Protein backbone atom coordinates (compact mmCIF):
# COMPACT_ATOMS: atom_id res chain seq x y z
CA MET A 1 0.00 0.00 0.00
CA THR A 2 1.37 3.37 -0.98
CA PRO A 3 1.69 6.24 1.53
CA VAL A 4 -0.90 8.19 -0.39
CA ALA A 5 -3.48 5.47 0.13
CA ILE A 6 -2.70 5.31 3.80
CA VAL A 7 -3.11 9.06 4.20
CA VAL A 8 -6.41 8.99 2.31
CA GLY A 9 -7.68 6.14 4.52
CA VAL A 10 -6.71 7.97 7.71
CA ILE A 11 -8.43 11.12 6.48
CA ALA A 12 -11.54 9.14 5.65
CA LEU A 13 -11.61 7.58 9.09
CA ILE A 14 -11.15 10.95 10.72
CA GLY A 15 -13.95 12.41 8.60
CA LEU A 16 -16.23 9.53 9.48
CA ALA A 17 -15.50 10.02 13.19
CA VAL A 18 -16.12 13.75 12.86
CA LEU A 19 -19.41 13.10 11.07
CA VAL A 20 -20.52 10.67 13.73
CA ALA A 21 -19.62 13.15 16.46
CA ALA A 22 -21.44 15.96 14.65
CA VAL A 23 -24.76 14.12 14.25
CA LYS A 24 -26.97 14.10 17.35
CA ILE A 25 -30.49 12.67 17.78
CA VAL A 26 -32.76 14.24 20.43
CA ARG A 27 -35.67 11.99 21.45
CA PRO A 28 -39.19 13.33 22.08
CA TYR A 29 -38.88 13.22 25.89
CA GLN A 30 -35.42 14.92 25.80
CA ARG A 31 -34.00 18.34 25.28
CA GLY A 32 -30.47 19.00 23.98
CA LEU A 33 -28.34 21.53 25.87
CA VAL A 34 -25.65 22.77 23.42
CA GLU A 35 -22.39 24.39 24.63
CA ARG A 36 -19.72 25.97 22.41
CA LEU A 37 -16.29 26.19 23.87
CA GLY A 38 -17.72 25.87 27.39
CA ARG A 39 -20.42 28.47 26.97
CA TYR A 40 -24.15 27.90 26.69
CA LYS A 41 -25.33 28.24 23.11
CA ALA A 42 -28.93 26.88 22.77
CA THR A 43 -31.46 24.25 23.79
CA GLU A 44 -32.33 21.93 20.97
CA GLU A 45 -35.77 20.41 20.45
CA PRO A 46 -36.33 16.73 19.60
CA GLY A 47 -35.08 15.58 16.19
CA LEU A 48 -31.84 15.27 14.19
CA ARG A 49 -29.32 17.91 15.14
CA LEU A 50 -25.75 18.75 13.93
CA ILE A 51 -22.99 20.28 16.00
CA PHE A 52 -19.36 21.14 15.42
CA PRO A 53 -17.27 18.38 16.90
CA PHE A 54 -14.55 19.32 19.38
CA ILE A 55 -16.02 22.84 19.47
CA GLU A 56 -19.57 22.19 20.55
CA THR A 57 -21.02 19.60 22.92
CA MET A 58 -24.59 18.52 23.53
CA GLN A 59 -25.99 17.29 26.86
CA LEU A 60 -29.33 15.45 26.75
CA ILE A 61 -31.78 16.31 29.56
CA ASP A 62 -34.64 13.88 30.37
CA MET A 63 -37.90 15.84 30.69
CA ARG A 64 -39.99 12.95 31.96
CA GLU A 65 -41.38 12.73 35.50
CA GLN A 66 -38.81 11.31 37.91
CA VAL A 67 -39.01 9.73 41.34
CA VAL A 68 -36.78 10.40 44.33
CA ASP A 69 -36.99 8.01 47.28
CA VAL A 70 -36.41 9.88 50.54
CA PRO A 71 -34.65 7.49 52.98
CA PRO A 72 -36.33 6.80 56.39
CA GLN A 73 -35.38 9.17 59.18
CA GLU A 74 -36.30 9.53 62.82
CA VAL A 75 -38.57 12.42 63.71
CA ILE A 76 -39.70 13.56 67.19
CA THR A 77 -43.37 14.55 67.30
CA ALA A 78 -44.86 17.29 69.44
CA ASP A 79 -45.75 14.76 72.16
CA ASN A 80 -42.10 13.48 72.31
CA VAL A 81 -42.61 10.26 70.38
CA VAL A 82 -39.82 9.17 68.06
CA VAL A 83 -41.18 7.89 64.74
CA SER A 84 -39.50 6.73 61.55
CA VAL A 85 -40.75 8.49 58.42
CA ASP A 86 -39.94 7.98 54.74
CA ALA A 87 -41.46 9.58 51.67
CA VAL A 88 -41.41 9.60 47.86
CA VAL A 89 -41.06 12.78 45.77
CA TYR A 90 -42.27 12.99 42.15
CA TYR A 91 -40.83 15.81 40.02
CA GLU A 92 -40.36 16.82 36.38
CA ALA A 93 -37.88 19.19 34.71
CA THR A 94 -39.29 22.40 33.29
CA ASP A 95 -36.10 24.27 32.30
CA PRO A 96 -33.04 22.17 31.26
CA GLN A 97 -30.71 25.17 31.41
CA ARG A 98 -31.50 25.99 35.06
CA LEU A 99 -31.53 22.29 35.99
CA VAL A 100 -27.94 21.96 34.75
CA TYR A 101 -26.47 25.33 35.75
CA ASN A 102 -28.33 26.20 38.99
CA ILE A 103 -27.87 22.98 40.96
CA ALA A 104 -24.86 20.71 41.09
CA ASP A 105 -26.41 17.56 42.61
CA PHE A 106 -30.15 17.77 42.29
CA PHE A 107 -30.93 14.31 43.75
CA THR A 108 -28.99 14.95 46.95
CA ALA A 109 -30.46 18.43 47.26
CA ILE A 110 -34.07 17.30 46.85
CA THR A 111 -33.55 14.40 49.30
CA LYS A 112 -32.07 16.60 52.02
CA LEU A 113 -34.72 19.25 51.45
CA ALA A 114 -37.52 16.69 51.79
CA GLN A 115 -36.03 15.21 54.98
CA THR A 116 -35.65 18.62 56.58
CA ASN A 117 -39.18 19.72 55.82
CA LEU A 118 -40.56 16.35 57.00
CA ARG A 119 -38.92 16.92 60.38
CA ASN A 120 -40.39 20.42 60.56
CA LEU A 121 -43.92 19.39 59.61
CA ILE A 122 -44.22 16.25 61.73
CA GLY A 123 -42.38 17.84 64.65
CA ASP A 124 -45.26 20.32 65.00
CA MET A 125 -47.88 17.52 65.22
CA GLU A 126 -48.81 14.98 67.82
CA LEU A 127 -48.53 11.31 66.97
CA ASP A 128 -52.26 10.71 66.52
CA ARG A 129 -52.64 13.71 64.24
CA ALA A 130 -49.53 12.77 62.24
CA LEU A 131 -50.89 9.28 61.66
CA THR A 132 -54.26 10.58 60.48
CA SER A 133 -53.09 13.66 58.53
CA ARG A 134 -51.02 12.18 55.74
CA ASP A 135 -52.88 14.12 53.05
CA THR A 136 -52.19 17.38 54.88
CA ILE A 137 -48.51 16.51 55.26
CA ASN A 138 -48.24 15.56 51.58
CA THR A 139 -49.83 18.83 50.43
CA GLN A 140 -47.74 21.06 52.69
CA LEU A 141 -44.49 19.25 51.83
CA ARG A 142 -45.20 19.47 48.08
CA GLU A 143 -45.82 23.22 48.33
CA VAL A 144 -42.55 23.77 50.22
CA LEU A 145 -40.47 21.64 47.83
CA ASP A 146 -42.10 23.20 44.75
CA ASP A 147 -41.23 26.70 45.94
CA ALA A 148 -37.65 25.68 46.73
CA THR A 149 -37.02 23.83 43.46
CA ASP A 150 -38.58 26.44 41.18
CA LYS A 151 -35.21 28.19 40.68
CA TRP A 152 -33.68 24.81 39.75
CA GLY A 153 -36.02 24.45 36.77
CA VAL A 154 -37.96 21.60 38.39
CA ARG A 155 -41.63 21.28 39.32
CA VAL A 156 -42.56 18.96 42.20
CA VAL A 157 -45.64 17.08 41.06
CA ARG A 158 -46.59 15.34 44.32
CA VAL A 159 -45.19 13.99 47.55
CA GLU A 160 -46.34 10.77 49.23
CA ILE A 161 -45.59 9.67 52.79
CA GLN A 162 -44.89 5.96 52.60
CA ARG A 163 -44.68 4.98 56.25
CA ILE A 164 -44.80 6.48 59.72
CA ASP A 165 -43.51 3.84 62.14
CA PRO A 166 -43.85 4.51 65.89
CA PRO A 167 -41.69 2.58 68.40
CA PRO A 168 -42.84 -0.98 69.33
CA ASP A 169 -44.05 0.01 72.82
CA ILE A 170 -46.11 2.82 71.33
CA VAL A 171 -47.53 0.41 68.77
CA SER A 172 -48.56 -1.98 71.56
CA ALA A 173 -50.16 0.87 73.49
CA MET A 174 -51.97 1.98 70.36
CA HIS A 175 -53.26 -1.53 69.77
CA ALA A 176 -54.52 -1.71 73.35
CA GLN A 177 -56.13 1.71 73.00
CA MET A 178 -57.71 0.63 69.73
CA ARG A 179 -59.12 -2.51 71.33
CA ALA A 180 -60.47 -0.50 74.26
CA GLU A 181 -62.01 2.03 71.90
CA ARG A 182 -63.62 -0.72 69.84
CA ASP A 183 -64.96 -2.37 73.00
CA ARG A 184 -66.32 0.98 74.15
CA ARG A 185 -67.98 1.58 70.78
CA ALA A 186 -69.43 -1.92 70.81
CA THR A 187 -70.81 -1.38 74.32
CA VAL A 188 -72.23 2.01 73.40
CA THR A 189 -73.73 0.61 70.21
CA GLU A 190 -75.27 -2.30 72.10
CA ALA A 191 -76.67 0.04 74.77
CA LYS A 192 -78.10 2.31 72.08
CA GLY A 193 -79.65 -0.72 70.43
CA TYR A 194 -81.30 -1.79 73.69
CA GLN A 195 -82.45 1.79 74.29
CA GLU A 196 -83.93 2.14 70.82
CA ALA A 197 -85.60 -1.27 71.14
CA ALA A 198 -87.11 -0.31 74.51
CA ILE A 199 -88.29 3.02 73.12
CA ALA A 200 -89.77 1.29 70.09
CA ARG A 201 -91.57 -1.25 72.31
CA ALA A 202 -92.88 1.52 74.57
CA ASP A 203 -94.06 3.51 71.57
CA GLY A 204 -95.72 0.43 70.15
CA GLU A 205 -97.47 -0.36 73.42
CA GLN A 206 -98.56 3.26 73.78
CA GLN A 207 -99.94 3.36 70.25
CA ALA A 208 -101.65 0.02 70.78
CA ALA A 209 -103.24 1.27 74.03
CA VAL A 210 -104.34 4.49 72.34
CA LEU A 211 -105.80 2.63 69.38
CA SER A 212 -107.53 0.16 71.71
CA ALA A 213 -109.02 3.00 73.77
CA GLN A 214 -110.13 4.77 70.62
CA GLY A 215 -111.68 1.53 69.38
CA ARG A 216 -113.55 1.00 72.65
CA LYS A 217 -114.69 4.61 72.61
CA GLU A 218 -115.92 4.40 69.03
CA ALA A 219 -117.62 1.07 69.76
CA ALA A 220 -119.36 2.54 72.83
CA VAL A 221 -120.43 5.58 70.82
CA LEU A 222 -121.75 3.38 68.04
CA ASP A 223 -123.57 1.17 70.56
CA ALA A 224 -125.10 4.22 72.21
CA GLN A 225 -126.09 5.65 68.85
CA GLY A 226 -127.57 2.31 67.86
CA ASP A 227 -129.52 2.06 71.13
CA SER A 228 -130.70 5.64 70.76
CA GLU A 229 -131.84 5.07 67.19
CA ALA A 230 -133.49 1.79 68.18
CA ILE A 231 -135.34 3.48 71.06
CA GLN A 232 -136.41 6.31 68.78
CA LEU A 233 -137.61 3.86 66.15
CA ARG A 234 -139.50 1.78 68.76
CA ALA A 235 -141.03 4.95 70.21
CA VAL A 236 -142.07 6.12 66.75
CA ALA A 237 -143.47 2.66 65.98
CA ASN A 238 -145.39 2.51 69.28
CA LYS A 239 -146.66 6.01 68.76
CA LEU A 240 -147.78 5.16 65.23
CA ARG A 241 -149.37 1.91 66.44
CA LEU A 242 -151.23 3.69 69.23
CA GLU A 243 -152.31 6.43 66.86
CA LEU A 244 -153.54 3.91 64.36
CA MET A 245 -155.27 1.85 67.07
CA GLY A 246 -156.83 4.97 68.49
CA GLN A 247 -157.90 6.11 65.08
CA GLY A 248 -159.28 2.66 64.38
CA GLU A 249 -161.14 2.43 67.68
CA GLY A 250 -162.40 5.98 67.27
CA LEU A 251 -163.62 5.25 63.79
CA ALA A 252 -165.22 2.01 64.99
CA ALA A 253 -166.88 3.72 67.94
CA LYS A 254 -168.00 6.58 65.72
CA ALA A 255 -169.40 4.15 63.19
CA ARG A 256 -171.15 2.18 65.93
CA LEU A 257 -172.63 5.26 67.53
CA THR A 258 -173.64 6.56 64.15
CA GLY A 259 -175.35 3.27 63.45
CA ILE A 260 -177.07 3.32 66.79
CA LYS A 261 -178.16 6.89 66.20
CA GLU A 262 -179.44 6.18 62.75
CA ALA A 263 -181.33 3.13 64.07
CA GLN A 264 -183.14 5.51 66.53
CA THR A 265 -182.47 3.31 69.53
CA ASP A 266 -183.76 4.11 72.98
CA ASN A 267 -182.11 4.14 76.38
CA ASN A 268 -182.51 0.40 76.81
CA VAL A 269 -180.18 -0.29 73.88
CA LEU A 270 -177.67 2.20 75.24
CA THR A 271 -177.85 0.46 78.59
CA VAL A 272 -177.05 -2.89 76.99
CA GLU A 273 -174.10 -1.27 75.20
CA TYR A 274 -172.79 0.12 78.47
CA LEU A 275 -173.03 -3.31 80.04
CA SER A 276 -171.11 -4.86 77.13
CA ALA A 277 -168.40 -2.26 77.53
CA LEU A 278 -168.28 -2.93 81.27
CA GLU A 279 -167.92 -6.67 80.59
CA ARG A 280 -164.98 -6.05 78.24
CA ILE A 281 -163.35 -3.83 80.82
CA GLY A 282 -163.78 -6.50 83.45
CA ASP A 283 -162.09 -9.11 81.25
CA GLY A 284 -158.82 -7.12 81.26
CA ARG A 285 -155.71 -8.01 83.27
CA ALA A 286 -155.85 -4.98 85.53
CA THR A 287 -156.03 -5.70 89.25
CA LYS A 288 -158.24 -2.69 89.91
CA LEU A 289 -161.46 -1.65 88.22
CA VAL A 290 -162.28 2.04 88.36
CA ILE A 291 -165.95 2.78 87.72
CA PRO A 292 -166.78 6.36 86.86
CA VAL A 293 -169.48 8.21 88.81
CA GLU A 294 -171.81 7.99 85.83
CA PHE A 295 -171.82 4.19 86.16
CA SER A 296 -173.70 4.37 89.48
CA GLY A 297 -176.64 6.00 87.77
CA LEU A 298 -176.24 3.54 84.92
CA LEU A 299 -176.40 0.61 87.33
CA GLY A 300 -179.55 2.02 88.89
CA THR A 301 -181.07 2.37 85.45
CA VAL A 302 -180.09 -1.20 84.61
CA ALA A 303 -181.61 -2.45 87.84
CA ALA A 304 -184.85 -0.60 87.24
CA PHE A 305 -184.92 -1.86 83.69
CA ALA A 306 -184.39 -5.43 84.90
CA GLU A 307 -187.26 -5.11 87.39
CA THR A 308 -189.59 -3.86 84.72
CA ILE A 309 -188.91 -6.62 82.28
CA ARG A 310 -188.66 -9.46 84.84
CA PRO A 311 -191.94 -11.41 85.06
CA GLU A 312 -193.58 -11.61 88.44
CA ASP A 313 -193.11 -14.90 90.28
CA PRO A 314 -195.81 -15.54 92.88
CA GLU A 315 -193.62 -18.11 94.49
CA ASP A 316 -190.95 -15.60 95.26
CA GLU A 317 -190.33 -15.33 98.93
CA VAL A 318 -187.90 -13.57 101.04
CA ARG A 319 -184.76 -15.68 101.49
CA PRO A 320 -182.53 -14.88 104.41
CA LYS A 321 -178.81 -14.54 103.76
CA ASP A 322 -176.34 -16.89 105.40
CA GLU A 323 -179.11 -18.72 107.38
CA LEU A 324 -180.13 -15.53 109.21
CA PRO A 325 -183.66 -15.44 110.77
CA ILE A 326 -186.38 -13.78 108.78
CA PRO A 327 -187.41 -10.51 110.49
CA ALA A 328 -190.99 -10.03 111.57
CA ASP A 329 -193.32 -7.75 109.70
CA ASP A 330 -193.10 -5.17 112.42
CA ASP A 331 -189.34 -5.12 112.24
CA ARG A 332 -189.20 -4.55 108.52
CA VAL A 333 -188.31 -1.10 107.25
CA GLU A 334 -189.78 0.20 104.10
CA LEU A 335 -187.11 1.88 101.94
CA PRO A 336 -188.17 4.79 99.84
CA GLU A 337 -188.46 4.19 96.16
CA PRO A 338 -185.29 5.36 94.25
CA ASN A 339 -185.74 8.41 92.11
CA ARG A 340 -184.78 7.38 88.58
CA ASP A 341 -184.67 10.96 87.43
CA ASP A 342 -181.70 11.56 89.70
CA HIS A 343 -179.85 8.68 88.07
CA ARG A 344 -180.64 10.01 84.64
CA ASP A 345 -179.32 13.43 85.64
CA ARG A 346 -176.14 11.85 86.81
């Protein structure tokens, strides 16, 4: 091989190396930070980029979201309990130039910053509040880290507390307290259940008693109304029956008297009618018989009428009553003859 060929081959190799060094590919999630002779020149976007080898250099910056694991550290709470706390910080680069030139070791800086602020935040809380306020701690820690890392060209997306581990004796005490609290809640819940059941039973019995009393009251009212209506209906029926009977008897008596009047009867017929009425009265169930004053005159008239129509019996003789002796003629007393006109006037 001639020296000329060797020189040409060396030049070709050097040109190929220079071409390879000059061609740069920036991926979509990267940004290219170009420096010329040690000075910042530009930030290249994704794509194929060319630089001058040995004069310019390109540093690729990953713009994707990154994770920083904050190591566990011991923190003293406000109630003097030592707990072990670790967290996770999620961040993403916003300015490649500031991320490279404003901070030398970003991972160490963000870790120490997170640990320091964790001690400050949890140190101001009691253990119970720290265990139940993880969301509050995450939000406050993210705000503090975001403000501190803004000049580094980084945005803190979120912060998550992974674990808060109290000492073993505190954990045992917390378990005992939790069991006591659960027992207390169970007892209270059971007592409330018994109380509500007793109240429900009392309410039910009260409502049942009220409904029963109302039912008895309504039944008594309905019975009374029924009795009242029945009495009224019976009274109306009796009244109507008596009125009809009276009207019937009055019409019958009127018709009878009219017939007697039209037949031009005398006092003898009237006397017989009075006697028939007296017989019907006597057949009743009454224990007493009240004879009006007019009946005395009527009886006298009936007696006189009977004497006039009775035939004379020559064999009639005076018969003593209850085997009494017959008085002598001198001892007999003549009674005056009754005045029939007086009976008629009566």
